[in-house]
Amino acid sequence: MSGGAHQADEARRRRLRWRARRGLLENDLVMTRFFDRFESSLTDEDVAGLDRLLALGDGELLDLILGRRELDGGAATPEAQRVLAMLRGV
C-alpha cells in the first residue's frame, strides 16, 4: 500500500465494489478477490487508480490484469499502475 490517506468512507468503498462488478466472469472474480483482500486498507490514491482502471472496457481490463498489455495514455498514472499490480497479485 502507498503512504496515502486511508479511504475511511465505508459507503464510498461499497459503491466502488458495486461499480467494479464486471460483465466478464474472469474480471468479476479478480475484482472480488481484490476487494476481499484490500478493501479495508485502500487509500484515496488507490481508489483514484481503481477509478481509472474501471473506466476501461472489460476486454481491455482483462488484458491488463493478465499482463497481455500494459497501461498507456491517460490511464497510466502511478496510482493506476499500483492498483494494477495489486490486481495482478490476487
PDB file of N, CA and C in Angstrom:
ATOM      1  N   MET A   1       0.832  -1.181   0.000  1.00  0.00           N
ATOM      2  CA  MET A   1       0.000   0.000   0.000  1.00  0.00           C
ATOM      3  C   MET A   1       0.875   1.242   0.000  1.00  0.00           C
ATOM      4  N   SER A   2       0.326   2.279  -0.525  1.00  0.00           N
ATOM      5  CA  SER A   2       1.053   3.537  -0.547  1.00  0.00           C
ATOM      6  C   SER A   2       0.938   4.227   0.800  1.00  0.00           C
ATOM      7  N   GLY A   3       1.637   5.322   0.938  1.00  0.00           N
ATOM      8  CA  GLY A   3       1.602   6.071   2.178  1.00  0.00           C
ATOM      9  C   GLY A   3       0.477   7.085   2.229  1.00  0.00           C
ATOM     10  N   GLY A   4      -0.468   7.034   1.286  1.00  0.00           N
ATOM     11  CA  GLY A   4      -1.545   7.998   1.229  1.00  0.00           C
ATOM     12  C   GLY A   4      -2.575   7.792   2.326  1.00  0.00           C
ATOM     13  N   ALA A   5      -3.540   8.684   2.346  1.00  0.00           N
ATOM     14  CA  ALA A   5      -4.593   8.629   3.356  1.00  0.00           C
ATOM     15  C   ALA A   5      -5.484   7.415   3.129  1.00  0.00           C
ATOM     16  N   HIS A   6      -5.833   6.761   4.215  1.00  0.00           N
ATOM     17  CA  HIS A   6      -6.733   5.612   4.144  1.00  0.00           C
ATOM     18  C   HIS A   6      -8.112   6.071   3.694  1.00  0.00           C
ATOM     19  N   GLN A   7      -8.729   5.305   2.814  1.00  0.00           N
ATOM     20  CA  GLN A   7     -10.078   5.610   2.346  1.00  0.00           C
ATOM     21  C   GLN A   7     -11.056   5.115   3.408  1.00  0.00           C
ATOM     22  N   ALA A   8     -11.401   6.000   4.344  1.00  0.00           N
ATOM     23  CA  ALA A   8     -12.187   5.618   5.510  1.00  0.00           C
ATOM     24  C   ALA A   8     -13.690   5.624   5.265  1.00  0.00           C
ATOM     25  N   ASP A   9     -14.135   6.154   4.146  1.00  0.00           N
ATOM     26  CA  ASP A   9     -15.562   6.240   3.861  1.00  0.00           C
ATOM     27  C   ASP A   9     -16.083   4.878   3.412  1.00  0.00           C
ATOM     28  N   GLU A  10     -16.712   4.166   4.343  1.00  0.00           N
ATOM     29  CA  GLU A  10     -17.185   2.813   4.056  1.00  0.00           C
ATOM     30  C   GLU A  10     -18.214   2.805   2.929  1.00  0.00           C
ATOM     31  N   ALA A  11     -19.083   3.797   2.891  1.00  0.00           N
ATOM     32  CA  ALA A  11     -20.102   3.867   1.840  1.00  0.00           C
ATOM     33  C   ALA A  11     -19.447   4.035   0.472  1.00  0.00           C
ATOM     34  N   ARG A  12     -18.398   4.851   0.398  1.00  0.00           N
ATOM     35  CA  ARG A  12     -17.691   5.037  -0.878  1.00  0.00           C
ATOM     36  C   ARG A  12     -17.033   3.738  -1.317  1.00  0.00           C
ATOM     37  N   ARG A  13     -16.445   3.010  -0.366  1.00  0.00           N
ATOM     38  CA  ARG A  13     -15.828   1.731  -0.716  1.00  0.00           C
ATOM     39  C   ARG A  13     -16.874   0.725  -1.191  1.00  0.00           C
ATOM     40  N   ARG A  14     -18.052   0.726  -0.566  1.00  0.00           N
ATOM     41  CA  ARG A  14     -19.136  -0.171  -1.001  1.00  0.00           C
ATOM     42  C   ARG A  14     -19.586   0.170  -2.419  1.00  0.00           C
ATOM     43  N   ARG A  15     -19.726   1.470  -2.711  1.00  0.00           N
ATOM     44  CA  ARG A  15     -20.117   1.886  -4.067  1.00  0.00           C
ATOM     45  C   ARG A  15     -19.049   1.485  -5.071  1.00  0.00           C
ATOM     46  N   LEU A  16     -17.798   1.603  -4.686  1.00  0.00           N
ATOM     47  CA  LEU A  16     -16.707   1.218  -5.573  1.00  0.00           C
ATOM     48  C   LEU A  16     -16.750  -0.285  -5.853  1.00  0.00           C
ATOM     49  N   ARG A  17     -17.005  -1.078  -4.829  1.00  0.00           N
ATOM     50  CA  ARG A  17     -17.112  -2.529  -5.018  1.00  0.00           C
ATOM     51  C   ARG A  17     -18.262  -2.844  -5.978  1.00  0.00           C
ATOM     52  N   TRP A  18     -19.385  -2.161  -5.826  1.00  0.00           N
ATOM     53  CA  TRP A  18     -20.520  -2.377  -6.716  1.00  0.00           C
ATOM     54  C   TRP A  18     -20.151  -1.984  -8.147  1.00  0.00           C
ATOM     55  N   ARG A  19     -19.488  -0.852  -8.307  1.00  0.00           N
ATOM     56  CA  ARG A  19     -19.083  -0.387  -9.637  1.00  0.00           C
ATOM     57  C   ARG A  19     -18.092  -1.343 -10.287  1.00  0.00           C
ATOM     58  N   ALA A  20     -17.319  -2.066  -9.488  1.00  0.00           N
ATOM     59  CA  ALA A  20     -16.302  -2.976 -10.005  1.00  0.00           C
ATOM     60  C   ALA A  20     -16.890  -4.278 -10.546  1.00  0.00           C
ATOM     61  N   ARG A  21     -18.186  -4.492 -10.344  1.00  0.00           N
ATOM     62  CA  ARG A  21     -18.806  -5.690 -10.921  1.00  0.00           C
ATOM     63  C   ARG A  21     -18.715  -5.589 -12.430  1.00  0.00           C
ATOM     64  N   ARG A  22     -18.226  -6.634 -13.053  1.00  0.00           N
ATOM     65  CA  ARG A  22     -17.931  -6.587 -14.477  1.00  0.00           C
ATOM     66  C   ARG A  22     -18.776  -7.589 -15.257  1.00  0.00           C
ATOM     67  N   GLY A  23     -18.843  -7.384 -16.568  1.00  0.00           N
ATOM     68  CA  GLY A  23     -19.578  -8.283 -17.436  1.00  0.00           C
ATOM     69  C   GLY A  23     -18.858  -9.596 -17.669  1.00  0.00           C
ATOM     70  N   LEU A  24     -17.548  -9.581 -17.645  1.00  0.00           N
ATOM     71  CA  LEU A  24     -16.762 -10.808 -17.832  1.00  0.00           C
ATOM     72  C   LEU A  24     -16.557 -11.488 -16.485  1.00  0.00           C
ATOM     73  N   LEU A  25     -16.882 -12.760 -16.407  1.00  0.00           N
ATOM     74  CA  LEU A  25     -16.737 -13.515 -15.169  1.00  0.00           C
ATOM     75  C   LEU A  25     -15.303 -13.449 -14.647  1.00  0.00           C
ATOM     76  N   GLU A  26     -14.321 -13.529 -15.536  1.00  0.00           N
ATOM     77  CA  GLU A  26     -12.920 -13.507 -15.121  1.00  0.00           C
ATOM     78  C   GLU A  26     -12.588 -12.216 -14.380  1.00  0.00           C
ATOM     79  N   ASN A  27     -13.030 -11.089 -14.918  1.00  0.00           N
ATOM     80  CA  ASN A  27     -12.797  -9.803 -14.255  1.00  0.00           C
ATOM     81  C   ASN A  27     -13.531  -9.745 -12.925  1.00  0.00           C
ATOM     82  N   ASP A  28     -14.755 -10.237 -12.906  1.00  0.00           N
ATOM     83  CA  ASP A  28     -15.552 -10.207 -11.688  1.00  0.00           C
ATOM     84  C   ASP A  28     -14.878 -11.022 -10.584  1.00  0.00           C
ATOM     85  N   LEU A  29     -14.325 -12.160 -10.926  1.00  0.00           N
ATOM     86  CA  LEU A  29     -13.640 -12.990  -9.935  1.00  0.00           C
ATOM     87  C   LEU A  29     -12.403 -12.289  -9.380  1.00  0.00           C
ATOM     88  N   VAL A  30     -11.629 -11.665 -10.254  1.00  0.00           N
ATOM     89  CA  VAL A  30     -10.432 -10.949  -9.812  1.00  0.00           C
ATOM     90  C   VAL A  30     -10.825  -9.776  -8.912  1.00  0.00           C
ATOM     91  N   MET A  31     -11.847  -9.033  -9.319  1.00  0.00           N
ATOM     92  CA  MET A  31     -12.283  -7.886  -8.517  1.00  0.00           C
ATOM     93  C   MET A  31     -12.785  -8.325  -7.148  1.00  0.00           C
ATOM     94  N   THR A  32     -13.507  -9.421  -7.095  1.00  0.00           N
ATOM     95  CA  THR A  32     -13.996  -9.928  -5.809  1.00  0.00           C
ATOM     96  C   THR A  32     -12.829 -10.273  -4.899  1.00  0.00           C
ATOM     97  N   ARG A  33     -11.845 -10.978  -5.430  1.00  0.00           N
ATOM     98  CA  ARG A  33     -10.661 -11.317  -4.619  1.00  0.00           C
ATOM     99  C   ARG A  33      -9.912 -10.063  -4.198  1.00  0.00           C
ATOM    100  N   PHE A  34      -9.790  -9.093  -5.109  1.00  0.00           N
ATOM    101  CA  PHE A  34      -9.113  -7.831  -4.808  1.00  0.00           C
ATOM    102  C   PHE A  34      -9.783  -7.140  -3.617  1.00  0.00           C
ATOM    103  N   PHE A  35     -11.105  -6.985  -3.686  1.00  0.00           N
ATOM    104  CA  PHE A  35     -11.806  -6.302  -2.605  1.00  0.00           C
ATOM    105  C   PHE A  35     -11.776  -7.106  -1.318  1.00  0.00           C
ATOM    106  N   ASP A  36     -11.893  -8.410  -1.412  1.00  0.00           N
ATOM    107  CA  ASP A  36     -11.814  -9.229  -0.197  1.00  0.00           C
ATOM    108  C   ASP A  36     -10.474  -9.032   0.505  1.00  0.00           C
ATOM    109  N   ARG A  37      -9.432  -8.849  -0.266  1.00  0.00           N
ATOM    110  CA  ARG A  37      -8.088  -8.719   0.306  1.00  0.00           C
ATOM    111  C   ARG A  37      -7.743  -7.285   0.704  1.00  0.00           C
ATOM    112  N   PHE A  38      -8.137  -6.313  -0.110  1.00  0.00           N
ATOM    113  CA  PHE A  38      -7.631  -4.952   0.062  1.00  0.00           C
ATOM    114  C   PHE A  38      -8.651  -3.896   0.464  1.00  0.00           C
ATOM    115  N   GLU A  39      -9.934  -4.181   0.430  1.00  0.00           N
ATOM    116  CA  GLU A  39     -10.937  -3.128   0.613  1.00  0.00           C
ATOM    117  C   GLU A  39     -10.712  -2.291   1.870  1.00  0.00           C
ATOM    118  N   SER A  40     -10.435  -2.918   2.981  1.00  0.00           N
ATOM    119  CA  SER A  40     -10.322  -2.173   4.240  1.00  0.00           C
ATOM    120  C   SER A  40      -9.049  -1.337   4.332  1.00  0.00           C
ATOM    121  N   SER A  41      -8.093  -1.571   3.429  1.00  0.00           N
ATOM    122  CA  SER A  41      -6.841  -0.823   3.509  1.00  0.00           C
ATOM    123  C   SER A  41      -6.600   0.086   2.301  1.00  0.00           C
ATOM    124  N   LEU A  42      -7.590   0.251   1.436  1.00  0.00           N
ATOM    125  CA  LEU A  42      -7.414   1.116   0.270  1.00  0.00           C
ATOM    126  C   LEU A  42      -7.200   2.560   0.696  1.00  0.00           C
ATOM    127  N   THR A  43      -6.305   3.229   0.004  1.00  0.00           N
ATOM    128  CA  THR A  43      -6.067   4.650   0.234  1.00  0.00           C
ATOM    129  C   THR A  43      -6.861   5.465  -0.782  1.00  0.00           C
ATOM    130  N   ASP A  44      -6.934   6.759  -0.552  1.00  0.00           N
ATOM    131  CA  ASP A  44      -7.569   7.644  -1.533  1.00  0.00           C
ATOM    132  C   ASP A  44      -6.888   7.502  -2.893  1.00  0.00           C
ATOM    133  N   GLU A  45      -5.566   7.358  -2.905  1.00  0.00           N
ATOM    134  CA  GLU A  45      -4.826   7.207  -4.157  1.00  0.00           C
ATOM    135  C   GLU A  45      -5.169   5.888  -4.840  1.00  0.00           C
ATOM    136  N   ASP A  46      -5.329   4.826  -4.051  1.00  0.00           N
ATOM    137  CA  ASP A  46      -5.720   3.533  -4.616  1.00  0.00           C
ATOM    138  C   ASP A  46      -7.093   3.630  -5.275  1.00  0.00           C
ATOM    139  N   VAL A  47      -8.009   4.324  -4.606  1.00  0.00           N
ATOM    140  CA  VAL A  47      -9.357   4.492  -5.151  1.00  0.00           C
ATOM    141  C   VAL A  47      -9.291   5.267  -6.468  1.00  0.00           C
ATOM    142  N   ALA A  48      -8.462   6.296  -6.536  1.00  0.00           N
ATOM    143  CA  ALA A  48      -8.308   7.061  -7.773  1.00  0.00           C
ATOM    144  C   ALA A  48      -7.748   6.175  -8.885  1.00  0.00           C
ATOM    145  N   GLY A  49      -6.773   5.347  -8.560  1.00  0.00           N
ATOM    146  CA  GLY A  49      -6.206   4.432  -9.555  1.00  0.00           C
ATOM    147  C   GLY A  49      -7.224   3.410 -10.018  1.00  0.00           C
ATOM    148  N   LEU A  50      -7.996   2.878  -9.098  1.00  0.00           N
ATOM    149  CA  LEU A  50      -9.017   1.901  -9.458  1.00  0.00           C
ATOM    150  C   LEU A  50     -10.097   2.545 -10.317  1.00  0.00           C
ATOM    151  N   ASP A  51     -10.456   3.785 -10.008  1.00  0.00           N
ATOM    152  CA  ASP A  51     -11.426   4.508 -10.840  1.00  0.00           C
ATOM    153  C   ASP A  51     -10.963   4.565 -12.291  1.00  0.00           C
ATOM    154  N   ARG A  52      -9.684   4.843 -12.493  1.00  0.00           N
ATOM    155  CA  ARG A  52      -9.150   4.903 -13.858  1.00  0.00           C
ATOM    156  C   ARG A  52      -9.253   3.546 -14.551  1.00  0.00           C
ATOM    157  N   LEU A  53      -8.927   2.495 -13.825  1.00  0.00           N
ATOM    158  CA  LEU A  53      -8.991   1.159 -14.414  1.00  0.00           C
ATOM    159  C   LEU A  53     -10.427   0.749 -14.719  1.00  0.00           C
ATOM    160  N   LEU A  54     -11.356   1.120 -13.853  1.00  0.00           N
ATOM    161  CA  LEU A  54     -12.753   0.747 -14.061  1.00  0.00           C
ATOM    162  C   LEU A  54     -13.391   1.501 -15.220  1.00  0.00           C
ATOM    163  N   ALA A  55     -12.763   2.576 -15.657  1.00  0.00           N
ATOM    164  CA  ALA A  55     -13.263   3.314 -16.816  1.00  0.00           C
ATOM    165  C   ALA A  55     -12.966   2.577 -18.120  1.00  0.00           C
ATOM    166  N   LEU A  56     -12.108   1.572 -18.073  1.00  0.00           N
ATOM    167  CA  LEU A  56     -11.743   0.800 -19.259  1.00  0.00           C
ATOM    168  C   LEU A  56     -12.800  -0.256 -19.551  1.00  0.00           C
ATOM    169  N   GLY A  57     -12.840  -0.714 -20.781  1.00  0.00           N
ATOM    170  CA  GLY A  57     -13.748  -1.789 -21.154  1.00  0.00           C
ATOM    171  C   GLY A  57     -13.315  -3.111 -20.537  1.00  0.00           C
ATOM    172  N   ASP A  58     -14.239  -4.059 -20.476  1.00  0.00           N
ATOM    173  CA  ASP A  58     -13.957  -5.347 -19.856  1.00  0.00           C
ATOM    174  C   ASP A  58     -12.793  -6.082 -20.512  1.00  0.00           C
ATOM    175  N   GLY A  59     -12.768  -6.134 -21.837  1.00  0.00           N
ATOM    176  CA  GLY A  59     -11.695  -6.838 -22.533  1.00  0.00           C
ATOM    177  C   GLY A  59     -10.348  -6.194 -22.290  1.00  0.00           C
ATOM    178  N   GLU A  60     -10.311  -4.881 -22.330  1.00  0.00           N
ATOM    179  CA  GLU A  60      -9.068  -4.147 -22.090  1.00  0.00           C
ATOM    180  C   GLU A  60      -8.577  -4.371 -20.661  1.00  0.00           C
ATOM    181  N   LEU A  61      -9.502  -4.337 -19.709  1.00  0.00           N
ATOM    182  CA  LEU A  61      -9.130  -4.559 -18.314  1.00  0.00           C
ATOM    183  C   LEU A  61      -8.588  -5.973 -18.116  1.00  0.00           C
ATOM    184  N   LEU A  62      -9.244  -6.968 -18.706  1.00  0.00           N
ATOM    185  CA  LEU A  62      -8.767  -8.342 -18.574  1.00  0.00           C
ATOM    186  C   LEU A  62      -7.370  -8.496 -19.172  1.00  0.00           C
ATOM    187  N   ASP A  63      -7.134  -7.902 -20.337  1.00  0.00           N
ATOM    188  CA  ASP A  63      -5.796  -7.961 -20.940  1.00  0.00           C
ATOM    189  C   ASP A  63      -4.747  -7.349 -20.023  1.00  0.00           C
ATOM    190  N   LEU A  64      -5.083  -6.260 -19.348  1.00  0.00           N
ATOM    191  CA  LEU A  64      -4.149  -5.637 -18.416  1.00  0.00           C
ATOM    192  C   LEU A  64      -3.882  -6.552 -17.226  1.00  0.00           C
ATOM    193  N   ILE A  65      -4.931  -7.101 -16.650  1.00  0.00           N
ATOM    194  CA  ILE A  65      -4.776  -7.967 -15.483  1.00  0.00           C
ATOM    195  C   ILE A  65      -3.938  -9.192 -15.820  1.00  0.00           C
ATOM    196  N   LEU A  66      -4.164  -9.753 -16.999  1.00  0.00           N
ATOM    197  CA  LEU A  66      -3.430 -10.956 -17.411  1.00  0.00           C
ATOM    198  C   LEU A  66      -2.028 -10.647 -17.941  1.00  0.00           C
ATOM    199  N   GLY A  67      -1.675  -9.366 -18.043  1.00  0.00           N
ATOM    200  CA  GLY A  67      -0.350  -8.977 -18.498  1.00  0.00           C
ATOM    201  C   GLY A  67      -0.179  -9.077 -20.002  1.00  0.00           C
ATOM    202  N   ARG A  68      -1.272  -9.148 -20.739  1.00  0.00           N
ATOM    203  CA  ARG A  68      -1.198  -9.192 -22.206  1.00  0.00           C
ATOM    204  C   ARG A  68      -0.851  -7.834 -22.794  1.00  0.00           C
ATOM    205  N   ARG A  69      -1.081  -6.802 -22.003  1.00  0.00           N
ATOM    206  CA  ARG A  69      -0.734  -5.436 -22.414  1.00  0.00           C
ATOM    207  C   ARG A  69      -0.450  -4.621 -21.169  1.00  0.00           C
ATOM    208  N   GLU A  70       0.086  -3.432 -21.372  1.00  0.00           N
ATOM    209  CA  GLU A  70       0.405  -2.532 -20.269  1.00  0.00           C
ATOM    210  C   GLU A  70      -0.438  -1.274 -20.393  1.00  0.00           C
ATOM    211  N   LEU A  71      -0.584  -0.581 -19.281  1.00  0.00           N
ATOM    212  CA  LEU A  71      -1.308   0.684 -19.279  1.00  0.00           C
ATOM    213  C   LEU A  71      -0.599   1.704 -20.141  1.00  0.00           C
ATOM    214  N   ASP A  72      -1.377   2.505 -20.844  1.00  0.00           N
ATOM    215  CA  ASP A  72      -0.800   3.596 -21.620  1.00  0.00           C
ATOM    216  C   ASP A  72      -1.783   4.754 -21.634  1.00  0.00           C
ATOM    217  N   GLY A  73      -1.360   5.844 -22.172  1.00  0.00           N
ATOM    218  CA  GLY A  73      -2.223   7.012 -22.285  1.00  0.00           C
ATOM    219  C   GLY A  73      -2.583   7.601 -20.934  1.00  0.00           C
ATOM    220  N   GLY A  74      -3.760   8.199 -20.863  1.00  0.00           N
ATOM    221  CA  GLY A  74      -4.215   8.889 -19.664  1.00  0.00           C
ATOM    222  C   GLY A  74      -4.458   7.984 -18.476  1.00  0.00           C
ATOM    223  N   ALA A  75      -4.670   6.691 -18.725  1.00  0.00           N
ATOM    224  CA  ALA A  75      -4.925   5.762 -17.617  1.00  0.00           C
ATOM    225  C   ALA A  75      -3.647   5.364 -16.896  1.00  0.00           C
ATOM    226  N   ALA A  76      -2.500   5.640 -17.478  1.00  0.00           N
ATOM    227  CA  ALA A  76      -1.220   5.163 -16.937  1.00  0.00           C
ATOM    228  C   ALA A  76      -0.674   6.079 -15.851  1.00  0.00           C
ATOM    229  N   THR A  77      -1.448   6.310 -14.820  1.00  0.00           N
ATOM    230  CA  THR A  77      -0.990   7.104 -13.684  1.00  0.00           C
ATOM    231  C   THR A  77      -0.272   6.190 -12.692  1.00  0.00           C
ATOM    232  N   PRO A  78       0.555   6.746 -11.824  1.00  0.00           N
ATOM    233  CA  PRO A  78       1.202   5.904 -10.808  1.00  0.00           C
ATOM    234  C   PRO A  78       0.187   5.158  -9.938  1.00  0.00           C
ATOM    235  N   GLU A  79      -0.936   5.807  -9.640  1.00  0.00           N
ATOM    236  CA  GLU A  79      -1.959   5.166  -8.818  1.00  0.00           C
ATOM    237  C   GLU A  79      -2.576   3.972  -9.541  1.00  0.00           C
ATOM    238  N   ALA A  80      -2.883   4.143 -10.826  1.00  0.00           N
ATOM    239  CA  ALA A  80      -3.462   3.047 -11.607  1.00  0.00           C
ATOM    240  C   ALA A  80      -2.451   1.915 -11.764  1.00  0.00           C
ATOM    241  N   GLN A  81      -1.181   2.255 -11.963  1.00  0.00           N
ATOM    242  CA  GLN A  81      -0.133   1.225 -12.076  1.00  0.00           C
ATOM    243  C   GLN A  81      -0.052   0.410 -10.787  1.00  0.00           C
ATOM    244  N   ARG A  82      -0.118   1.084  -9.649  1.00  0.00           N
ATOM    245  CA  ARG A  82      -0.037   0.403  -8.358  1.00  0.00           C
ATOM    246  C   ARG A  82      -1.230  -0.537  -8.165  1.00  0.00           C
ATOM    247  N   VAL A  83      -2.439  -0.063  -8.472  1.00  0.00           N
ATOM    248  CA  VAL A  83      -3.630  -0.893  -8.316  1.00  0.00           C
ATOM    249  C   VAL A  83      -3.591  -2.065  -9.302  1.00  0.00           C
ATOM    250  N   LEU A  84      -3.111  -1.822 -10.513  1.00  0.00           N
ATOM    251  CA  LEU A  84      -2.981  -2.908 -11.481  1.00  0.00           C
ATOM    252  C   LEU A  84      -2.051  -3.993 -10.947  1.00  0.00           C
ATOM    253  N   ALA A  85      -0.960  -3.600 -10.334  1.00  0.00           N
ATOM    254  CA  ALA A  85      -0.050  -4.594  -9.728  1.00  0.00           C
ATOM    255  C   ALA A  85      -0.755  -5.371  -8.629  1.00  0.00           C
ATOM    256  N   MET A  86      -1.590  -4.701  -7.853  1.00  0.00           N
ATOM    257  CA  MET A  86      -2.355  -5.378  -6.800  1.00  0.00           C
ATOM    258  C   MET A  86      -3.333  -6.374  -7.415  1.00  0.00           C
ATOM    259  N   LEU A  87      -4.025  -5.958  -8.497  1.00  0.00           N
ATOM    260  CA  LEU A  87      -4.966  -6.842  -9.160  1.00  0.00           C
ATOM    261  C   LEU A  87      -4.263  -8.066  -9.738  1.00  0.00           C
ATOM    262  N   ARG A  88      -3.096  -7.849 -10.311  1.00  0.00           N
ATOM    263  CA  ARG A  88      -2.346  -8.969 -10.882  1.00  0.00           C
ATOM    264  C   ARG A  88      -1.878  -9.944  -9.805  1.00  0.00           C
ATOM    265  N   GLY A  89      -1.751  -9.460  -8.588  1.00  0.00           N
ATOM    266  CA  GLY A  89      -1.257 -10.304  -7.497  1.00  0.00           C
ATOM    267  C   GLY A  89      -2.311 -11.120  -6.776  1.00  0.00           C
ATOM    268  N   VAL A  90      -3.589 -10.864  -7.083  1.00  0.00           N
ATOM    269  CA  VAL A  90      -4.628 -11.627  -6.376  1.00  0.00           C
ATOM    270  C   VAL A  90      -4.954 -12.817  -7.159  1.00  0.00           C
TER     271      VAL A  90
END
